[in-house]
């Protein structure tokens, strides 16, 4: 498994280098667009995610605000926060708090590539008939991703290269996403 992840990561980095080199060569033919203004806040976009899922015995609420700074039409860097509360009555209760750093690269207007480092703290409580079992730990994720972009919305998928099914809170290393920034 680790060998496949390493191959995927090397291939992804090779693609990023190729696309970066291609843009450098093309930039020799035409000038890159310059920012319309030097005002910091004109380059900042806010977004994030919100999710809620409930049933009679289950609740899942997630709030994840974020902001990015666009250096130019190709590169952006941002920060995000995350809070999730999951509860299944008489069985499971979890609180997850953390943050992330994300780098975005748009080789062309419609394609967005991303590299994201996530660090979250997990507090789980498992309830059984006799006692509560508590488990508290830090979880680190390093995601490489890509998606199709239309204006402020990107639909795609990301892959956690540090995924360990025995230690991770997520069920899979592969995650689809919808990313929106205003």
Protein backbone atom coordinates (compact mmCIF):
# COMPACT_ATOMS: atom_id res chain seq x y z
CA UNK A 1 0.00 0.00 0.00
CA UNK A 2 2.75 2.47 0.95
CA UNK A 3 4.55 1.72 -2.31
CA UNK A 4 1.42 2.68 -4.32
CA UNK A 5 0.99 5.88 -2.32
CA UNK A 6 4.63 6.82 -2.94
CA UNK A 7 4.19 6.22 -6.70
CA UNK A 8 1.02 8.33 -6.74
CA UNK A 9 2.74 11.15 -4.85
CA UNK A 10 5.78 11.13 -7.17
CA UNK A 11 3.52 11.12 -10.25
CA UNK A 12 1.48 14.04 -8.86
CA UNK A 13 4.62 16.09 -8.11
CA UNK A 14 5.92 15.32 -11.61
CA UNK A 15 2.63 16.60 -13.08
CA UNK A 16 2.89 19.80 -11.01
CA UNK A 17 6.47 20.38 -12.20
CA UNK A 18 5.49 19.72 -15.83
CA UNK A 19 2.54 22.12 -15.64
CA UNK A 20 4.68 24.76 -13.92
CA UNK A 21 7.38 24.41 -16.60
CA UNK A 22 4.75 24.59 -19.36
CA UNK A 23 3.39 27.85 -17.93
CA UNK A 24 6.92 29.28 -17.70
CA UNK A 25 7.55 28.49 -21.37
CA UNK A 26 4.19 29.96 -22.40
CA UNK A 27 4.86 33.05 -20.31
CA UNK A 28 7.81 33.82 -22.60
CA UNK A 29 5.33 34.34 -25.45
CA UNK A 30 2.87 36.62 -23.67
CA UNK A 31 3.00 38.63 -20.44
CA UNK A 32 1.23 37.24 -17.41
CA UNK A 33 -1.82 39.20 -16.26
CA UNK A 34 -1.02 41.64 -13.47
CA UNK A 35 -3.15 42.23 -10.40
CA UNK A 36 -5.71 45.00 -10.87
CA UNK A 37 -4.86 46.51 -7.51
CA UNK A 38 -2.27 46.24 -4.77
CA UNK A 39 -4.88 46.30 -1.98
CA UNK A 40 -4.44 43.15 0.18
CA UNK A 41 -8.18 42.54 0.71
CA UNK A 42 -8.91 42.61 -3.03
CA UNK A 43 -6.91 39.35 -3.30
CA UNK A 44 -8.63 37.56 -0.38
CA UNK A 45 -11.55 35.16 -0.84
CA UNK A 46 -13.62 33.60 1.93
CA UNK A 47 -15.41 30.27 1.83
CA UNK A 48 -15.56 26.96 3.54
CA UNK A 49 -18.04 24.26 4.31
CA UNK A 50 -21.03 23.50 6.47
CA UNK A 51 -22.74 20.16 6.85
CA UNK A 52 -25.51 18.71 8.94
CA UNK A 53 -26.97 15.24 9.01
CA UNK A 54 -29.48 14.07 11.58
CA UNK A 55 -31.79 11.17 12.28
CA UNK A 56 -33.56 9.81 15.33
CA UNK A 57 -30.35 8.44 16.89
CA UNK A 58 -27.57 10.16 14.91
CA UNK A 59 -26.21 13.71 14.55
CA UNK A 60 -23.30 14.99 12.45
CA UNK A 61 -22.58 18.73 12.34
CA UNK A 62 -19.52 20.26 10.66
CA UNK A 63 -18.45 23.90 10.35
CA UNK A 64 -15.28 24.68 8.36
CA UNK A 65 -14.62 28.34 7.44
CA UNK A 66 -11.56 29.22 5.35
CA UNK A 67 -9.86 32.04 3.48
CA UNK A 68 -7.34 32.15 0.64
CA UNK A 69 -5.04 34.83 -0.71
CA UNK A 70 -4.68 34.89 -4.52
CA UNK A 71 -1.12 35.83 -5.46
CA UNK A 72 -2.05 35.88 -9.14
CA UNK A 73 -4.31 33.98 -11.56
CA UNK A 74 -2.38 30.76 -10.92
CA UNK A 75 -1.43 30.49 -7.23
CA UNK A 76 -3.32 30.91 -3.94
CA UNK A 77 -2.53 30.04 -0.33
CA UNK A 78 -5.02 29.80 2.51
CA UNK A 79 -5.93 28.81 6.05
CA UNK A 80 -8.97 27.04 7.42
CA UNK A 81 -10.55 25.95 10.69
CA UNK A 82 -12.74 22.92 11.35
CA UNK A 83 -15.15 21.79 14.03
CA UNK A 84 -17.21 18.61 13.84
CA UNK A 85 -19.57 17.01 16.32
CA UNK A 86 -20.75 13.44 15.72
CA UNK A 87 -23.05 11.52 18.02
CA UNK A 88 -24.83 8.21 17.84
CA UNK A 89 -27.12 7.79 20.83
CA UNK A 90 -26.00 5.19 23.41
CA UNK A 91 -22.88 4.32 21.41
CA UNK A 92 -20.56 7.07 20.21
CA UNK A 93 -19.74 10.75 20.74
CA UNK A 94 -16.95 12.65 18.97
CA UNK A 95 -15.66 16.23 18.86
CA UNK A 96 -13.08 17.17 16.24
CA UNK A 97 -11.25 20.52 16.21
CA UNK A 98 -8.43 21.58 13.93
CA UNK A 99 -7.06 23.61 11.11
CA UNK A 100 -5.44 23.38 7.71
CA UNK A 101 -3.14 25.13 5.28
CA UNK A 102 -3.99 24.84 1.59
CA UNK A 103 -2.07 25.71 -1.55
CA UNK A 104 -3.94 26.01 -4.85
CA UNK A 105 -2.51 25.97 -8.37
CA UNK A 106 -4.63 26.71 -11.46
CA UNK A 107 -2.57 25.73 -14.54
CA UNK A 108 -5.57 26.72 -16.67
CA UNK A 109 -8.78 28.46 -15.63
CA UNK A 110 -10.85 25.25 -15.49
CA UNK A 111 -8.40 23.04 -13.57
CA UNK A 112 -7.42 23.44 -9.91
CA UNK A 113 -4.71 21.36 -8.20
CA UNK A 114 -4.28 21.46 -4.44
CA UNK A 115 -1.90 20.46 -1.68
CA UNK A 116 -3.36 20.60 1.83
CA UNK A 117 -1.98 19.91 5.30
CA UNK A 118 -4.63 19.21 7.95
CA UNK A 119 -4.04 18.83 11.69
CA UNK A 120 -7.03 17.91 13.85
CA UNK A 121 -7.55 16.87 17.47
CA UNK A 122 -10.09 14.09 18.01
CA UNK A 123 -11.95 13.34 21.26
CA UNK A 124 -14.01 10.14 21.06
CA UNK A 125 -16.17 8.55 23.72
CA UNK A 126 -17.54 5.04 23.17
CA UNK A 127 -20.41 4.00 25.42
CA UNK A 128 -21.14 0.40 26.32
CA UNK A 129 -23.24 -1.25 29.01
CA UNK A 130 -20.68 -0.89 31.81
CA UNK A 131 -18.46 2.15 31.20
CA UNK A 132 -17.29 4.84 28.80
CA UNK A 133 -14.10 4.37 26.82
CA UNK A 134 -12.39 7.64 25.90
CA UNK A 135 -9.85 8.08 23.16
CA UNK A 136 -8.12 11.36 22.40
CA UNK A 137 -5.50 11.83 19.67
CA UNK A 138 -4.09 14.09 16.96
CA UNK A 139 -4.60 13.17 13.31
CA UNK A 140 -2.48 14.60 10.46
CA UNK A 141 -3.49 14.49 6.82
CA UNK A 142 -1.53 15.52 3.72
CA UNK A 143 -3.88 15.73 0.76
CA UNK A 144 -3.11 16.05 -2.94
CA UNK A 145 -6.12 16.86 -5.02
CA UNK A 146 -7.53 18.16 -8.23
CA UNK A 147 -10.79 19.30 -9.63
CA UNK A 148 -12.80 21.10 -12.27
CA UNK A 149 -13.29 24.81 -11.57
CA UNK A 150 -16.09 27.07 -12.77
CA UNK A 151 -15.85 30.62 -11.39
CA UNK A 152 -15.72 30.32 -7.57
CA UNK A 153 -16.70 26.63 -7.35
CA UNK A 154 -14.39 23.62 -7.70
CA UNK A 155 -15.63 20.03 -7.77
CA UNK A 156 -13.01 17.34 -7.37
CA UNK A 157 -11.31 14.79 -5.17
CA UNK A 158 -8.34 14.65 -2.82
CA UNK A 159 -6.15 11.81 -1.60
CA UNK A 160 -4.52 11.59 1.86
CA UNK A 161 -0.97 10.32 1.32
CA UNK A 162 -0.54 9.84 5.10
CA UNK A 163 -3.70 7.73 5.49
CA UNK A 164 -3.44 4.81 7.94
CA UNK A 165 -6.67 2.83 8.31
CA UNK A 166 -5.70 1.85 11.87
CA UNK A 167 -5.10 5.41 13.08
CA UNK A 168 -7.19 7.68 10.86
CA UNK A 169 -10.68 8.97 11.68
CA UNK A 170 -11.77 8.89 8.04
CA UNK A 171 -12.94 5.69 6.36
CA UNK A 172 -10.87 6.17 3.21
CA UNK A 173 -7.83 8.05 1.91
CA UNK A 174 -9.88 9.21 -1.11
CA UNK A 175 -12.39 12.05 -0.55
CA UNK A 176 -14.54 13.94 -3.03
CA UNK A 177 -15.03 17.68 -2.35
CA UNK A 178 -16.87 20.81 -3.42
CA UNK A 179 -14.85 23.95 -2.69
CA UNK A 180 -16.47 27.42 -2.84
CA UNK A 181 -14.78 30.81 -2.36
CA UNK A 182 -16.43 34.24 -2.66
